[in-house]
């Protein structure tokens, strides 16, 4: 598994990995609080993100500036191929922190999506770009002179889960799960094995096996 800021090399079987399977794999090794609990949802149903976190944190600030977007430009321009931008706002939903032009720039950098406990704007335009977004909602209000970036690339907390720069993020219609960098290889291997087992169990259930039978045989439900 790669130790830099690139997504791991995926296998064909990884198409079956879901947030639920990853969550179960994390549970198996004792990491039981890795799913964001802040009710984020995909801007487009069926969106799936899998990449490395690049983090930024916003705080309240009413300071007006002639260069209100300098820090945001630095952050977005720093995104790399396979990154998931993690915009932490301490669940502040009073302004939007992301929109069409940030999405376009992120696409140009090769990022796969954004996860934020705040709001975004330009919904229809972002949808048209096909950029993956998981957010708390939408709002047209700009963050200028309302919020400001106070940290980039450091640990943040979103939905009660600590996220460090470089952690793996998998997001789908069920939710957003964080794989700590230090256990990623173990978790991905466990998830791959579980996905294979679940495929077998599904087939057996569809052919008449009982839940008890498959549980006793595979310990998976």
C-alpha atoms as a PDB file:
ATOM      1  CA  UNK A   1       0.000   0.000   0.000  1.00  0.00           C
ATOM      2  CA  UNK A   2       1.353   3.396  -0.941  1.00  0.00           C
ATOM      3  CA  UNK A   3       2.520   5.650   1.880  1.00  0.00           C
ATOM      4  CA  UNK A   4       2.397   8.920  -0.062  1.00  0.00           C
ATOM      5  CA  UNK A   5      -0.590  11.077  -0.911  1.00  0.00           C
ATOM      6  CA  UNK A   6      -1.889   8.879  -3.731  1.00  0.00           C
ATOM      7  CA  UNK A   7      -4.784   6.503  -3.663  1.00  0.00           C
ATOM      8  CA  UNK A   8      -3.824   2.853  -3.232  1.00  0.00           C
ATOM      9  CA  UNK A   9      -3.676   0.601  -6.239  1.00  0.00           C
ATOM     10  CA  UNK A  10      -7.146  -0.902  -6.524  1.00  0.00           C
ATOM     11  CA  UNK A  11      -8.034  -4.409  -7.543  1.00  0.00           C
ATOM     12  CA  UNK A  12     -11.047  -5.358  -9.646  1.00  0.00           C
ATOM     13  CA  UNK A  13     -12.715  -6.744  -6.527  1.00  0.00           C
ATOM     14  CA  UNK A  14     -12.523  -3.322  -4.885  1.00  0.00           C
ATOM     15  CA  UNK A  15     -15.513  -2.254  -6.965  1.00  0.00           C
ATOM     16  CA  UNK A  16     -17.520  -4.205  -4.398  1.00  0.00           C
ATOM     17  CA  UNK A  17     -16.137  -2.282  -1.423  1.00  0.00           C
ATOM     18  CA  UNK A  18     -18.723  -0.094   0.279  1.00  0.00           C
ATOM     19  CA  UNK A  19     -18.771   2.141   3.330  1.00  0.00           C
ATOM     20  CA  UNK A  20     -20.615  -0.635   5.164  1.00  0.00           C
ATOM     21  CA  UNK A  21     -17.968  -3.246   4.348  1.00  0.00           C
ATOM     22  CA  UNK A  22     -15.170  -0.841   5.291  1.00  0.00           C
ATOM     23  CA  UNK A  23     -16.960   0.017   8.549  1.00  0.00           C
ATOM     24  CA  UNK A  24     -17.247  -3.687   9.402  1.00  0.00           C
ATOM     25  CA  UNK A  25     -13.553  -4.202   8.661  1.00  0.00           C
ATOM     26  CA  UNK A  26     -12.675  -1.291  10.938  1.00  0.00           C
ATOM     27  CA  UNK A  27     -14.907  -2.726  13.669  1.00  0.00           C
ATOM     28  CA  UNK A  28     -13.033  -6.001  13.361  1.00  0.00           C
ATOM     29  CA  UNK A  29      -9.771  -4.373  14.401  1.00  0.00           C
ATOM     30  CA  UNK A  30     -11.316  -2.213  17.117  1.00  0.00           C
ATOM     31  CA  UNK A  31     -11.716   1.097  15.242  1.00  0.00           C
ATOM     32  CA  UNK A  32     -15.403   1.549  15.976  1.00  0.00           C
ATOM     33  CA  UNK A  33     -15.837   5.301  15.505  1.00  0.00           C
ATOM     34  CA  UNK A  34     -14.807   5.919  11.912  1.00  0.00           C
ATOM     35  CA  UNK A  35     -18.127   6.777  10.259  1.00  0.00           C
ATOM     36  CA  UNK A  36     -19.086  10.449  10.098  1.00  0.00           C
ATOM     37  CA  UNK A  37     -22.186  11.102  12.209  1.00  0.00           C
ATOM     38  CA  UNK A  38     -23.207  14.485  10.805  1.00  0.00           C
ATOM     39  CA  UNK A  39     -25.753  13.443   8.189  1.00  0.00           C
ATOM     40  CA  UNK A  40     -23.812  14.312   5.071  1.00  0.00           C
ATOM     41  CA  UNK A  41     -25.365  13.323   1.777  1.00  0.00           C
ATOM     42  CA  UNK A  42     -24.183  13.106  -1.804  1.00  0.00           C
ATOM     43  CA  UNK A  43     -25.073  15.977  -4.089  1.00  0.00           C
ATOM     44  CA  UNK A  44     -25.869  13.316  -6.708  1.00  0.00           C
ATOM     45  CA  UNK A  45     -27.317   9.997  -5.583  1.00  0.00           C
ATOM     46  CA  UNK A  46     -25.028   7.101  -6.424  1.00  0.00           C
ATOM     47  CA  UNK A  47     -21.830   9.130  -6.000  1.00  0.00           C
ATOM     48  CA  UNK A  48     -18.871   7.120  -4.726  1.00  0.00           C
ATOM     49  CA  UNK A  49     -15.570   8.630  -3.548  1.00  0.00           C
ATOM     50  CA  UNK A  50     -12.433   6.732  -2.604  1.00  0.00           C
ATOM     51  CA  UNK A  51      -9.288   8.738  -2.052  1.00  0.00           C
ATOM     52  CA  UNK A  52      -6.901  10.389   0.361  1.00  0.00           C
ATOM     53  CA  UNK A  53      -7.902  13.243   2.619  1.00  0.00           C
ATOM     54  CA  UNK A  54      -6.417  16.678   2.127  1.00  0.00           C
ATOM     55  CA  UNK A  55      -7.722  18.773   4.990  1.00  0.00           C
ATOM     56  CA  UNK A  56      -8.654  22.384   5.618  1.00  0.00           C
ATOM     57  CA  UNK A  57     -10.366  23.998   8.630  1.00  0.00           C
ATOM     58  CA  UNK A  58     -12.555  27.112   8.680  1.00  0.00           C
ATOM     59  CA  UNK A  59     -13.372  29.321  11.666  1.00  0.00           C
ATOM     60  CA  UNK A  60     -15.710  32.272  12.081  1.00  0.00           C
ATOM     61  CA  UNK A  61     -14.161  35.584  11.041  1.00  0.00           C
ATOM     62  CA  UNK A  62     -15.775  38.889  10.123  1.00  0.00           C
ATOM     63  CA  UNK A  63     -12.525  40.430   8.895  1.00  0.00           C
ATOM     64  CA  UNK A  64     -12.874  42.003   5.453  1.00  0.00           C
ATOM     65  CA  UNK A  65      -9.906  41.612   3.136  1.00  0.00           C
ATOM     66  CA  UNK A  66      -8.895  42.595  -0.380  1.00  0.00           C
ATOM     67  CA  UNK A  67      -7.649  39.018  -0.811  1.00  0.00           C
ATOM     68  CA  UNK A  68     -10.345  36.915   0.883  1.00  0.00           C
ATOM     69  CA  UNK A  69      -9.685  33.772  -1.145  1.00  0.00           C
ATOM     70  CA  UNK A  70      -5.883  33.547  -0.999  1.00  0.00           C
ATOM     71  CA  UNK A  71      -5.798  30.684   1.498  1.00  0.00           C
ATOM     72  CA  UNK A  72      -8.587  28.812  -0.295  1.00  0.00           C
ATOM     73  CA  UNK A  73      -6.691  29.153  -3.572  1.00  0.00           C
ATOM     74  CA  UNK A  74      -3.577  27.723  -1.935  1.00  0.00           C
ATOM     75  CA  UNK A  75      -5.611  24.819  -0.595  1.00  0.00           C
ATOM     76  CA  UNK A  76      -7.447  23.948  -3.810  1.00  0.00           C
ATOM     77  CA  UNK A  77      -4.336  24.400  -5.938  1.00  0.00           C
ATOM     78  CA  UNK A  78      -2.486  21.983  -3.617  1.00  0.00           C
ATOM     79  CA  UNK A  79      -4.869  19.098  -4.362  1.00  0.00           C
ATOM     80  CA  UNK A  80      -3.355  16.116  -6.121  1.00  0.00           C
ATOM     81  CA  UNK A  81      -4.573  13.189  -8.171  1.00  0.00           C
ATOM     82  CA  UNK A  82      -6.887  10.984  -6.123  1.00  0.00           C
ATOM     83  CA  UNK A  83      -7.403  13.478  -3.284  1.00  0.00           C
ATOM     84  CA  UNK A  84     -10.624  14.039  -1.396  1.00  0.00           C
ATOM     85  CA  UNK A  85     -10.818  17.618  -0.131  1.00  0.00           C
ATOM     86  CA  UNK A  86     -12.023  17.517   3.482  1.00  0.00           C
ATOM     87  CA  UNK A  87     -13.457  20.909   4.434  1.00  0.00           C
ATOM     88  CA  UNK A  88     -14.040  21.029   8.197  1.00  0.00           C
ATOM     89  CA  UNK A  89     -16.226  23.855   9.489  1.00  0.00           C
ATOM     90  CA  UNK A  90     -17.250  22.621  12.953  1.00  0.00           C
ATOM     91  CA  UNK A  91     -20.660  22.026  11.366  1.00  0.00           C
ATOM     92  CA  UNK A  92     -21.075  25.718  10.545  1.00  0.00           C
ATOM     93  CA  UNK A  93     -23.863  25.954   7.982  1.00  0.00           C
ATOM     94  CA  UNK A  94     -24.178  29.727   7.832  1.00  0.00           C
ATOM     95  CA  UNK A  95     -22.252  30.111   4.572  1.00  0.00           C
ATOM     96  CA  UNK A  96     -21.125  28.071   1.573  1.00  0.00           C
ATOM     97  CA  UNK A  97     -17.497  26.969   1.405  1.00  0.00           C
ATOM     98  CA  UNK A  98     -17.412  25.329  -2.015  1.00  0.00           C
ATOM     99  CA  UNK A  99     -18.968  25.890  -5.427  1.00  0.00           C
ATOM    100  CA  UNK A 100     -18.606  25.562  -9.185  1.00  0.00           C
ATOM    101  CA  UNK A 101     -15.213  27.192  -9.663  1.00  0.00           C
ATOM    102  CA  UNK A 102     -13.545  25.394  -6.741  1.00  0.00           C
ATOM    103  CA  UNK A 103     -14.950  22.153  -8.164  1.00  0.00           C
ATOM    104  CA  UNK A 104     -13.596  22.931 -11.631  1.00  0.00           C
ATOM    105  CA  UNK A 105     -10.159  23.696 -10.197  1.00  0.00           C
ATOM    106  CA  UNK A 106     -10.215  20.502  -8.129  1.00  0.00           C
ATOM    107  CA  UNK A 107     -11.124  18.464 -11.208  1.00  0.00           C
ATOM    108  CA  UNK A 108      -8.213  20.048 -13.022  1.00  0.00           C
ATOM    109  CA  UNK A 109      -5.903  18.977 -10.219  1.00  0.00           C
ATOM    110  CA  UNK A 110      -7.183  15.389 -10.382  1.00  0.00           C
ATOM    111  CA  UNK A 111      -9.084  15.388  -7.092  1.00  0.00           C
ATOM    112  CA  UNK A 112     -12.003  12.955  -6.844  1.00  0.00           C
ATOM    113  CA  UNK A 113     -14.348  14.914  -4.596  1.00  0.00           C
ATOM    114  CA  UNK A 114     -15.029  16.971  -1.496  1.00  0.00           C
ATOM    115  CA  UNK A 115     -16.452  16.065   1.906  1.00  0.00           C
ATOM    116  CA  UNK A 116     -17.630  18.890   4.167  1.00  0.00           C
ATOM    117  CA  UNK A 117     -19.770  19.318   7.257  1.00  0.00           C
ATOM    118  CA  UNK A 118     -20.660  22.756   5.895  1.00  0.00           C
ATOM    119  CA  UNK A 119     -22.727  23.908   2.955  1.00  0.00           C
ATOM    120  CA  UNK A 120     -21.872  24.255  -0.730  1.00  0.00           C
ATOM    121  CA  UNK A 121     -23.409  26.375  -3.481  1.00  0.00           C
ATOM    122  CA  UNK A 122     -23.871  26.289  -7.269  1.00  0.00           C
ATOM    123  CA  UNK A 123     -25.517  22.897  -6.897  1.00  0.00           C
ATOM    124  CA  UNK A 124     -26.721  22.486 -10.471  1.00  0.00           C
ATOM    125  CA  UNK A 125     -23.414  23.679 -11.899  1.00  0.00           C
ATOM    126  CA  UNK A 126     -21.386  21.357  -9.676  1.00  0.00           C
ATOM    127  CA  UNK A 127     -23.662  18.482 -10.632  1.00  0.00           C
ATOM    128  CA  UNK A 128     -23.100  19.296 -14.302  1.00  0.00           C
ATOM    129  CA  UNK A 129     -19.349  19.110 -13.766  1.00  0.00           C
ATOM    130  CA  UNK A 130     -19.711  15.610 -12.327  1.00  0.00           C
ATOM    131  CA  UNK A 131     -17.582  16.413  -9.290  1.00  0.00           C
ATOM    132  CA  UNK A 132     -18.289  14.221  -6.251  1.00  0.00           C
ATOM    133  CA  UNK A 133     -19.658  16.173  -3.287  1.00  0.00           C
ATOM    134  CA  UNK A 134     -20.802  15.030   0.149  1.00  0.00           C
ATOM    135  CA  UNK A 135     -22.083  17.967   2.182  1.00  0.00           C
ATOM    136  CA  UNK A 136     -24.482  19.110   4.883  1.00  0.00           C
ATOM    137  CA  UNK A 137     -26.641  21.081   2.460  1.00  0.00           C
ATOM    138  CA  UNK A 138     -26.689  24.020   0.068  1.00  0.00           C
ATOM    139  CA  UNK A 139     -26.698  27.754   0.639  1.00  0.00           C
ATOM    140  CA  UNK A 140     -25.958  30.686  -1.712  1.00  0.00           C
ATOM    141  CA  UNK A 141     -24.111  32.824   0.871  1.00  0.00           C
ATOM    142  CA  UNK A 142     -20.375  33.414   0.276  1.00  0.00           C
ATOM    143  CA  UNK A 143     -18.020  32.897   3.220  1.00  0.00           C
ATOM    144  CA  UNK A 144     -16.158  36.174   2.591  1.00  0.00           C
ATOM    145  CA  UNK A 145     -15.935  38.270   5.811  1.00  0.00           C
ATOM    146  CA  UNK A 146     -17.891  35.547   7.608  1.00  0.00           C
ATOM    147  CA  UNK A 147     -15.451  32.618   7.804  1.00  0.00           C
ATOM    148  CA  UNK A 148     -11.730  32.144   7.182  1.00  0.00           C
ATOM    149  CA  UNK A 149      -9.230  29.302   6.946  1.00  0.00           C
ATOM    150  CA  UNK A 150      -7.109  28.838  10.037  1.00  0.00           C
ATOM    151  CA  UNK A 151      -5.348  25.557   9.183  1.00  0.00           C
ATOM    152  CA  UNK A 152      -4.483  23.382   6.191  1.00  0.00           C
ATOM    153  CA  UNK A 153      -3.063  19.859   6.157  1.00  0.00           C
ATOM    154  CA  UNK A 154      -3.600  19.263   9.856  1.00  0.00           C
ATOM    155  CA  UNK A 155      -5.889  16.938  11.766  1.00  0.00           C
ATOM    156  CA  UNK A 156      -9.560  17.920  11.756  1.00  0.00           C
ATOM    157  CA  UNK A 157     -12.758  16.521  13.243  1.00  0.00           C
ATOM    158  CA  UNK A 158     -15.810  16.038  11.031  1.00  0.00           C
ATOM    159  CA  UNK A 159     -18.950  14.353  12.292  1.00  0.00           C
ATOM    160  CA  UNK A 160     -17.192  13.242  15.459  1.00  0.00           C
ATOM    161  CA  UNK A 161     -14.389  11.486  13.580  1.00  0.00           C
ATOM    162  CA  UNK A 162     -10.773  12.594  13.553  1.00  0.00           C
ATOM    163  CA  UNK A 163      -9.353  12.874  10.035  1.00  0.00           C
ATOM    164  CA  UNK A 164      -5.641  13.285   9.416  1.00  0.00           C
ATOM    165  CA  UNK A 165      -3.989  14.403   6.227  1.00  0.00           C
ATOM    166  CA  UNK A 166      -3.534  11.293   4.059  1.00  0.00           C
ATOM    167  CA  UNK A 167      -6.227   9.134   5.669  1.00  0.00           C
ATOM    168  CA  UNK A 168      -8.361   7.193   3.201  1.00  0.00           C
ATOM    169  CA  UNK A 169     -11.952   8.326   2.686  1.00  0.00           C
ATOM    170  CA  UNK A 170     -14.658   6.106   1.218  1.00  0.00           C
ATOM    171  CA  UNK A 171     -18.046   7.740   0.713  1.00  0.00           C
ATOM    172  CA  UNK A 172     -21.186   6.344  -0.873  1.00  0.00           C
ATOM    173  CA  UNK A 173     -24.960   6.517  -0.446  1.00  0.00           C
ATOM    174  CA  UNK A 174     -24.722   4.949   3.026  1.00  0.00           C
ATOM    175  CA  UNK A 175     -22.307   7.523   4.377  1.00  0.00           C
ATOM    176  CA  UNK A 176     -18.670   8.509   4.796  1.00  0.00           C
ATOM    177  CA  UNK A 177     -16.070   6.308   6.474  1.00  0.00           C
ATOM    178  CA  UNK A 178     -12.487   7.205   7.369  1.00  0.00           C
ATOM    179  CA  UNK A 179      -9.647   4.667   7.249  1.00  0.00           C
ATOM    180  CA  UNK A 180      -6.723   5.847   9.396  1.00  0.00           C
ATOM    181  CA  UNK A 181      -3.507   5.799   7.413  1.00  0.00           C
ATOM    182  CA  UNK A 182      -1.721   3.561   9.922  1.00  0.00           C
ATOM    183  CA  UNK A 183      -4.210   0.690   9.486  1.00  0.00           C
ATOM    184  CA  UNK A 184      -5.214   1.125   5.857  1.00  0.00           C
ATOM    185  CA  UNK A 185      -3.551  -1.985   4.450  1.00  0.00           C
ATOM    186  CA  UNK A 186      -5.038  -4.199   7.154  1.00  0.00           C
ATOM    187  CA  UNK A 187      -8.492  -2.688   6.681  1.00  0.00           C
ATOM    188  CA  UNK A 188      -8.485  -2.907   2.888  1.00  0.00           C
ATOM    189  CA  UNK A 189      -7.364  -6.545   3.001  1.00  0.00           C
ATOM    190  CA  UNK A 190     -10.089  -7.402   5.525  1.00  0.00           C
ATOM    191  CA  UNK A 191     -12.671  -5.541   3.441  1.00  0.00           C
ATOM    192  CA  UNK A 192     -11.656  -7.388   0.285  1.00  0.00           C
ATOM    193  CA  UNK A 193     -12.035 -10.717   2.058  1.00  0.00           C
ATOM    194  CA  UNK A 194     -15.397  -9.724   3.490  1.00  0.00           C
ATOM    195  CA  UNK A 195     -16.691  -8.589   0.089  1.00  0.00           C
ATOM    196  CA  UNK A 196     -15.788 -11.990  -1.376  1.00  0.00           C
ATOM    197  CA  UNK A 197     -17.532 -13.790   1.492  1.00  0.00           C
ATOM    198  CA  UNK A 198     -20.631 -11.605   1.196  1.00  0.00           C
ATOM    199  CA  UNK A 199     -20.906 -12.493  -2.489  1.00  0.00           C
ATOM    200  CA  UNK A 200     -20.916 -16.187  -1.583  1.00  0.00           C
ATOM    201  CA  UNK A 201     -23.440 -15.644   1.227  1.00  0.00           C
ATOM    202  CA  UNK A 202     -25.736 -13.632  -1.050  1.00  0.00           C
ATOM    203  CA  UNK A 203     -25.776 -16.403  -3.630  1.00  0.00           C
ATOM    204  CA  UNK A 204     -26.555 -19.033  -1.016  1.00  0.00           C
ATOM    205  CA  UNK A 205     -29.369 -16.965   0.506  1.00  0.00           C
ATOM    206  CA  UNK A 206     -30.931 -16.424  -2.907  1.00  0.00           C
ATOM    207  CA  UNK A 207     -30.855 -20.188  -3.424  1.00  0.00           C
ATOM    208  CA  UNK A 208     -32.688 -20.946  -0.196  1.00  0.00           C
ATOM    209  CA  UNK A 209     -30.090 -21.056   2.569  1.00  0.00           C
ATOM    210  CA  UNK A 210     -31.267 -19.669   5.900  1.00  0.00           C
ATOM    211  CA  UNK A 211     -29.660 -16.770   7.704  1.00  0.00           C
ATOM    212  CA  UNK A 212     -28.714 -19.185  10.492  1.00  0.00           C
ATOM    213  CA  UNK A 213     -26.977 -21.505   8.033  1.00  0.00           C
ATOM    214  CA  UNK A 214     -24.874 -18.820   6.417  1.00  0.00           C
ATOM    215  CA  UNK A 215     -24.047 -17.211   9.770  1.00  0.00           C
ATOM    216  CA  UNK A 216     -22.868 -20.506  11.209  1.00  0.00           C
ATOM    217  CA  UNK A 217     -20.761 -21.148   8.105  1.00  0.00           C
ATOM    218  CA  UNK A 218     -19.312 -17.699   7.405  1.00  0.00           C
ATOM    219  CA  UNK A 219     -19.982 -15.483  10.458  1.00  0.00           C
ATOM    220  CA  UNK A 220     -21.117 -12.710   8.098  1.00  0.00           C
ATOM    221  CA  UNK A 221     -24.485 -10.967   7.905  1.00  0.00           C
END
